[in-house]
Each structure stands twice: as C-alpha cells, then as structure tokens.
C-alpha cells in the first residue's frame, strides 16, 4: 500500500468509516448467483444465462434481478405468475447455502484487516436478506471484521434509498460525511450520494468504470487495497477526474 506515515494518527483519517456493498464489491458472488438463478430458470422451463451476463443483471435486489433474468431469456414474454414461480424457487435454493461457490476478491481480506488495524470502522450493506449477508460474512471473514453487517430488513426500503446507509452511520456514531461508501454499480453510487457520503467505485466488480464515473463516483479504485489508501487520506491518485484523465489519455 501507500505511505501510511503520511496519514494522521490512528483513527484520525479522511474517513472514519467505510460501508461496503456486498455483491461484486466485498465478495465475488457472481458464480453463486448464476448457479442458483440458472437452476431456478431451468426448473421453470427457461434456458440458462451465461455467468458473465449476470454482471448486468444483479445489483438491485432479488425481485429486480429475477425480472431482468426473465427479460433476458423470454424477451419480456412472461407473466407475473412466471415471475413469482422463478422468484420463490430462486430464494428457496439460495437460502439453502448462501455461501456456495463464493470467492474473495484478491486483497480484500487484507484490506478489511488493514482498516481495522488503522481504526477505520468497516460495515456491510446489501440488498440481500440479512440472514444471507450474515452467513456470507461469517464464511469468508474472521469474526469481528465488521462493525455492522446489514441486509434487507422488513419495512426498510432497499438501495438506492439512503435509509440503510444512514442507519449504519448512526449506529457507528459517525456523520455521513465521515463515511466512504464503496460499491460497484450505479445503484451504489446513487445510494452513497443520497446519504451525503463520498463514494468509491469498485472497478474490480460487476459493472464498468464508465458506469461508475457517470454516476458520480468520487474515487475509482481498481483494487481493494486502494480503499484503505483512500480512507487514510492518500487517495488523491484515485479521484475520478484524475483517474479518467490517465485512463483515457
């Protein structure tokens, strides 16, 4: 990583907290989502979708995901009954083992450990059901890695509503402006901005650099390790404008 000596004292950085999206940001869940989704589709009489195509399908909650899946395989020629059948089956399948075929992104476990070492509070915020989020985090990260892991809760709107992100900031005792929101989709960038938080686009995730930049990411990070650099105040090189000028020059 960068020169940590340039930072302030422990816990006295540009950002006091980091909120991570789950799918495509904190954890590579692509193969897992594709696996359960394709089983549900095939059992309902539809063809499977190539794994890579799911990068543009996931990201706004399971209901929207399943509707996009059906649009992909049936060109919109499906009914609400079709949707309900695939949606229920997908949820039942996924809930059996939310940790199936998961992968850590290279450098992510070390990044989370580094944030903890530096005194920067890390949290997780996902549109997945909270029980799935808890199972995934417990499977891939040591206990105590995150100050809070929050998923979809009854009565709380999903992203891009800022409600969950603001609740996490409050739970951590932090002002929104002291929190960096990290995600890999336009929905994440909109969520962070609506919460009054600076956003970092996870270019290593499911969507493109262009999508993240177009939706207002303050920073564009190619690798997880760069998030710790940004949190510690060493992120000037990752500012969107500077990154884009270098990328497209």
Protein backbone atom coordinates (compact mmCIF):
# COMPACT_ATOMS: atom_id res chain seq x y z
CA UNK A 1 0.00 0.00 0.00
CA UNK A 2 0.98 3.63 0.13
CA UNK A 3 2.99 5.61 2.63
CA UNK A 4 0.99 5.29 5.83
CA UNK A 5 3.31 7.75 7.54
CA UNK A 6 1.53 10.47 5.57
CA UNK A 7 -1.68 9.73 7.46
CA UNK A 8 -2.80 11.34 10.67
CA UNK A 9 -2.88 9.39 13.92
CA UNK A 10 -4.70 6.09 14.21
CA UNK A 11 -8.43 6.58 13.64
CA UNK A 12 -7.91 10.21 12.57
CA UNK A 13 -8.15 9.84 8.81
CA UNK A 14 -10.09 11.43 6.00
CA UNK A 15 -12.82 8.82 6.55
CA UNK A 16 -13.66 7.28 9.91
CA UNK A 17 -15.82 4.56 8.42
CA UNK A 18 -16.26 2.53 5.24
CA UNK A 19 -19.53 0.95 4.09
CA UNK A 20 -19.08 -1.85 1.57
CA UNK A 21 -21.66 -3.17 -0.82
CA UNK A 22 -21.58 -6.98 -0.83
CA UNK A 23 -22.13 -8.48 -4.29
CA UNK A 24 -19.35 -7.51 -6.69
CA UNK A 25 -17.65 -5.26 -4.16
CA UNK A 26 -16.77 -7.09 -0.98
CA UNK A 27 -17.30 -10.62 -2.30
CA UNK A 28 -17.33 -12.16 -5.76
CA UNK A 29 -20.77 -13.77 -5.69
CA UNK A 30 -21.22 -13.98 -9.46
CA UNK A 31 -20.86 -17.76 -9.87
CA UNK A 32 -23.04 -18.36 -6.82
CA UNK A 33 -25.85 -16.12 -8.06
CA UNK A 34 -25.64 -17.58 -11.58
CA UNK A 35 -25.70 -21.14 -10.22
CA UNK A 36 -28.92 -20.76 -8.21
CA UNK A 37 -30.53 -18.48 -10.79
CA UNK A 38 -29.96 -20.92 -13.63
CA UNK A 39 -31.31 -23.85 -11.66
CA UNK A 40 -34.47 -21.83 -10.99
CA UNK A 41 -34.78 -20.85 -14.64
CA UNK A 42 -34.28 -24.38 -15.95
CA UNK A 43 -36.77 -25.89 -13.49
CA UNK A 44 -39.31 -23.37 -14.77
CA UNK A 45 -38.63 -24.25 -18.39
CA UNK A 46 -36.24 -21.46 -19.36
CA UNK A 47 -32.68 -21.69 -20.69
CA UNK A 48 -29.68 -20.88 -18.54
CA UNK A 49 -27.97 -17.48 -18.77
CA UNK A 50 -24.18 -17.30 -19.26
CA UNK A 51 -22.42 -16.48 -15.99
CA UNK A 52 -20.82 -13.27 -17.28
CA UNK A 53 -24.21 -11.91 -18.33
CA UNK A 54 -25.25 -11.81 -14.68
CA UNK A 55 -22.91 -8.85 -14.16
CA UNK A 56 -25.56 -6.66 -15.75
CA UNK A 57 -28.49 -8.46 -14.14
CA UNK A 58 -27.69 -8.34 -10.41
CA UNK A 59 -27.48 -5.27 -8.23
CA UNK A 60 -30.95 -4.01 -7.28
CA UNK A 61 -32.43 -6.74 -5.12
CA UNK A 62 -33.72 -10.21 -5.98
CA UNK A 63 -37.08 -9.06 -7.37
CA UNK A 64 -35.46 -6.82 -9.97
CA UNK A 65 -32.83 -9.46 -10.66
CA UNK A 66 -35.44 -12.12 -11.48
CA UNK A 67 -37.36 -9.71 -13.73
CA UNK A 68 -34.15 -8.98 -15.62
CA UNK A 69 -33.45 -12.70 -15.89
CA UNK A 70 -36.85 -13.30 -17.44
CA UNK A 71 -36.41 -10.38 -19.82
CA UNK A 72 -33.09 -11.89 -20.83
CA UNK A 73 -34.44 -15.37 -21.62
CA UNK A 74 -38.02 -14.59 -22.65
CA UNK A 75 -37.75 -11.11 -24.24
CA UNK A 76 -40.49 -9.80 -21.95
CA UNK A 77 -42.92 -12.60 -22.85
CA UNK A 78 -43.60 -13.64 -19.28
CA UNK A 79 -46.34 -13.11 -16.71
CA UNK A 80 -46.38 -12.14 -13.06
CA UNK A 81 -47.13 -15.78 -12.34
CA UNK A 82 -43.93 -16.76 -14.15
CA UNK A 83 -42.05 -14.19 -12.12
CA UNK A 84 -43.42 -15.48 -8.82
CA UNK A 85 -42.51 -19.08 -9.64
CA UNK A 86 -38.92 -18.25 -10.55
CA UNK A 87 -38.55 -15.79 -7.67
CA UNK A 88 -39.76 -18.21 -5.00
CA UNK A 89 -37.64 -21.05 -6.34
CA UNK A 90 -34.54 -18.85 -6.55
CA UNK A 91 -35.00 -17.66 -2.98
CA UNK A 92 -35.55 -21.17 -1.67
CA UNK A 93 -32.48 -22.50 -3.47
CA UNK A 94 -30.20 -19.65 -2.40
CA UNK A 95 -31.29 -19.81 1.23
CA UNK A 96 -30.12 -23.43 1.46
CA UNK A 97 -26.48 -22.36 1.13
CA UNK A 98 -25.74 -18.66 0.53
CA UNK A 99 -22.00 -19.46 0.73
CA UNK A 100 -21.96 -21.82 -2.27
CA UNK A 101 -19.24 -21.02 -4.84
CA UNK A 102 -18.22 -17.74 -3.22
CA UNK A 103 -14.83 -16.19 -3.86
CA UNK A 104 -12.85 -13.50 -2.08
CA UNK A 105 -11.50 -10.78 -4.30
CA UNK A 106 -7.68 -10.77 -4.16
CA UNK A 107 -6.55 -8.33 -1.50
CA UNK A 108 -9.97 -7.85 0.10
CA UNK A 109 -9.39 -9.79 3.36
CA UNK A 110 -6.11 -7.91 3.81
CA UNK A 111 -7.84 -4.59 3.14
CA UNK A 112 -10.50 -5.21 5.76
CA UNK A 113 -7.82 -6.24 8.25
CA UNK A 114 -5.85 -3.08 7.43
CA UNK A 115 -8.86 -0.85 8.01
CA UNK A 116 -9.41 -2.46 11.41
CA UNK A 117 -5.73 -2.02 12.27
CA UNK A 118 -5.99 1.67 11.39
CA UNK A 119 -9.13 2.18 13.47
CA UNK A 120 -11.43 2.77 10.48
CA UNK A 121 -14.81 1.17 11.11
CA UNK A 122 -15.95 -1.15 8.31
CA UNK A 123 -19.56 -2.16 7.64
CA UNK A 124 -21.51 -4.11 5.04
CA UNK A 125 -24.76 -3.01 3.39
CA UNK A 126 -26.58 -5.23 0.91
CA UNK A 127 -29.97 -5.64 -0.70
CA UNK A 128 -29.70 -9.35 0.09
CA UNK A 129 -31.76 -10.68 3.02
CA UNK A 130 -29.86 -10.04 6.21
CA UNK A 131 -29.57 -13.74 7.11
CA UNK A 132 -27.76 -14.36 3.81
CA UNK A 133 -25.44 -11.42 4.42
CA UNK A 134 -24.55 -12.68 7.88
CA UNK A 135 -23.86 -16.20 6.58
CA UNK A 136 -21.62 -14.95 3.77
CA UNK A 137 -19.57 -12.67 6.02
CA UNK A 138 -19.15 -15.36 8.67
CA UNK A 139 -17.96 -17.78 5.99
CA UNK A 140 -15.30 -15.53 4.42
CA UNK A 141 -14.09 -13.15 7.13
CA UNK A 142 -12.85 -13.53 10.70
CA UNK A 143 -15.26 -12.69 13.49
CA UNK A 144 -15.16 -9.00 14.35
CA UNK A 145 -14.03 -7.85 10.92
CA UNK A 146 -17.05 -5.58 10.55
CA UNK A 147 -18.74 -3.25 12.99
CA UNK A 148 -22.10 -3.92 11.34
CA UNK A 149 -23.47 -6.20 8.61
CA UNK A 150 -26.83 -5.04 7.34
CA UNK A 151 -29.05 -6.62 4.72
CA UNK A 152 -32.61 -6.17 3.59
CA UNK A 153 -34.94 -5.66 6.54
CA UNK A 154 -38.74 -5.60 6.65
CA UNK A 155 -40.12 -2.08 6.36
CA UNK A 156 -36.80 -0.56 5.28
CA UNK A 157 -36.50 0.44 1.61
CA UNK A 158 -33.68 -1.15 -0.34
CA UNK A 159 -30.93 0.71 -2.16
CA UNK A 160 -30.79 3.24 -3.73
CA UNK A 161 -32.71 4.56 -0.74
CA UNK A 162 -30.12 6.00 1.67
CA UNK A 163 -32.07 4.80 4.73
CA UNK A 164 -29.89 1.77 5.43
CA UNK A 165 -26.61 3.58 4.87
CA UNK A 166 -27.68 6.41 7.17
CA UNK A 167 -28.76 3.91 9.82
CA UNK A 168 -25.33 2.29 9.69
CA UNK A 169 -23.58 5.64 10.05
CA UNK A 170 -25.75 6.41 13.05
CA UNK A 171 -25.03 3.02 14.61
CA UNK A 172 -21.31 3.62 14.15
CA UNK A 173 -21.58 7.07 15.72
CA UNK A 174 -20.35 8.76 12.53
CA UNK A 175 -21.53 11.66 10.42
CA UNK A 176 -22.32 10.73 6.82
CA UNK A 177 -19.53 12.99 5.57
CA UNK A 178 -17.04 10.93 7.59
CA UNK A 179 -18.06 7.70 5.83
CA UNK A 180 -16.81 6.37 2.48
CA UNK A 181 -19.37 4.32 0.59
CA UNK A 182 -17.88 1.64 -1.69
CA UNK A 183 -19.81 -0.16 -4.41
CA UNK A 184 -19.66 -1.49 -7.94
CA UNK A 185 -22.93 -0.32 -9.53
CA UNK A 186 -24.81 2.85 -10.38
CA UNK A 187 -27.23 1.95 -7.58
CA UNK A 188 -24.41 2.06 -5.03
CA UNK A 189 -23.16 5.43 -6.27
CA UNK A 190 -26.70 6.82 -6.02
CA UNK A 191 -27.12 5.35 -2.53
CA UNK A 192 -23.94 6.90 -1.19
CA UNK A 193 -24.66 10.28 -2.76
CA UNK A 194 -28.21 10.32 -1.37
CA UNK A 195 -26.80 9.58 2.08
CA UNK A 196 -24.37 12.50 1.84
CA UNK A 197 -21.35 10.19 1.69
CA UNK A 198 -18.41 10.25 -0.69
CA UNK A 199 -18.40 7.24 -2.98
CA UNK A 200 -15.69 4.96 -4.33
CA UNK A 201 -16.39 2.88 -7.41
CA UNK A 202 -15.13 -0.69 -7.17
CA UNK A 203 -13.82 -1.15 -10.70
CA UNK A 204 -12.89 -4.76 -9.88
CA UNK A 205 -16.62 -5.58 -9.53
CA UNK A 206 -19.51 -6.41 -11.83
CA UNK A 207 -20.03 -3.14 -13.70
CA UNK A 208 -17.81 -0.86 -15.74
CA UNK A 209 -15.56 2.06 -14.91
CA UNK A 210 -17.69 4.18 -17.23
CA UNK A 211 -20.91 3.39 -15.34
CA UNK A 212 -19.34 4.26 -12.01
CA UNK A 213 -17.85 7.50 -13.29
CA UNK A 214 -21.09 8.53 -15.00
CA UNK A 215 -22.95 8.07 -11.71
CA UNK A 216 -20.72 10.35 -9.69
CA UNK A 217 -18.12 8.14 -8.04
CA UNK A 218 -15.67 10.46 -6.30
CA UNK A 219 -12.95 7.81 -6.48
CA UNK A 220 -12.32 4.94 -8.87
CA UNK A 221 -10.41 2.04 -7.33
CA UNK A 222 -9.01 -0.80 -9.44
CA UNK A 223 -8.01 -2.93 -6.44
CA UNK A 224 -9.41 -3.41 -2.93
CA UNK A 225 -6.13 -2.29 -1.34
CA UNK A 226 -6.69 1.19 -2.72
CA UNK A 227 -9.73 1.63 -0.47
CA UNK A 228 -7.53 1.68 2.62
CA UNK A 229 -5.32 4.26 0.93
CA UNK A 230 -8.34 6.45 0.22
CA UNK A 231 -9.73 6.10 3.75
CA UNK A 232 -6.39 7.15 5.19
CA UNK A 233 -6.32 10.33 3.13
CA UNK A 234 -3.90 9.07 0.49
CA UNK A 235 -6.48 8.80 -2.27
CA UNK A 236 -5.71 11.79 -4.49
CA UNK A 237 -4.45 9.49 -7.24
CA UNK A 238 -7.80 7.70 -7.30
CA UNK A 239 -10.04 10.76 -7.69
CA UNK A 240 -12.41 10.21 -10.62
CA UNK A 241 -11.19 13.17 -12.64
CA UNK A 242 -7.54 12.26 -12.30
CA UNK A 243 -8.14 8.55 -12.94
CA UNK A 244 -10.24 9.30 -16.04
CA UNK A 245 -7.65 11.67 -17.45
CA UNK A 246 -4.98 8.99 -17.04
CA UNK A 247 -7.21 6.17 -18.27
CA UNK A 248 -8.35 7.86 -21.45
CA UNK A 249 -5.10 9.68 -22.30
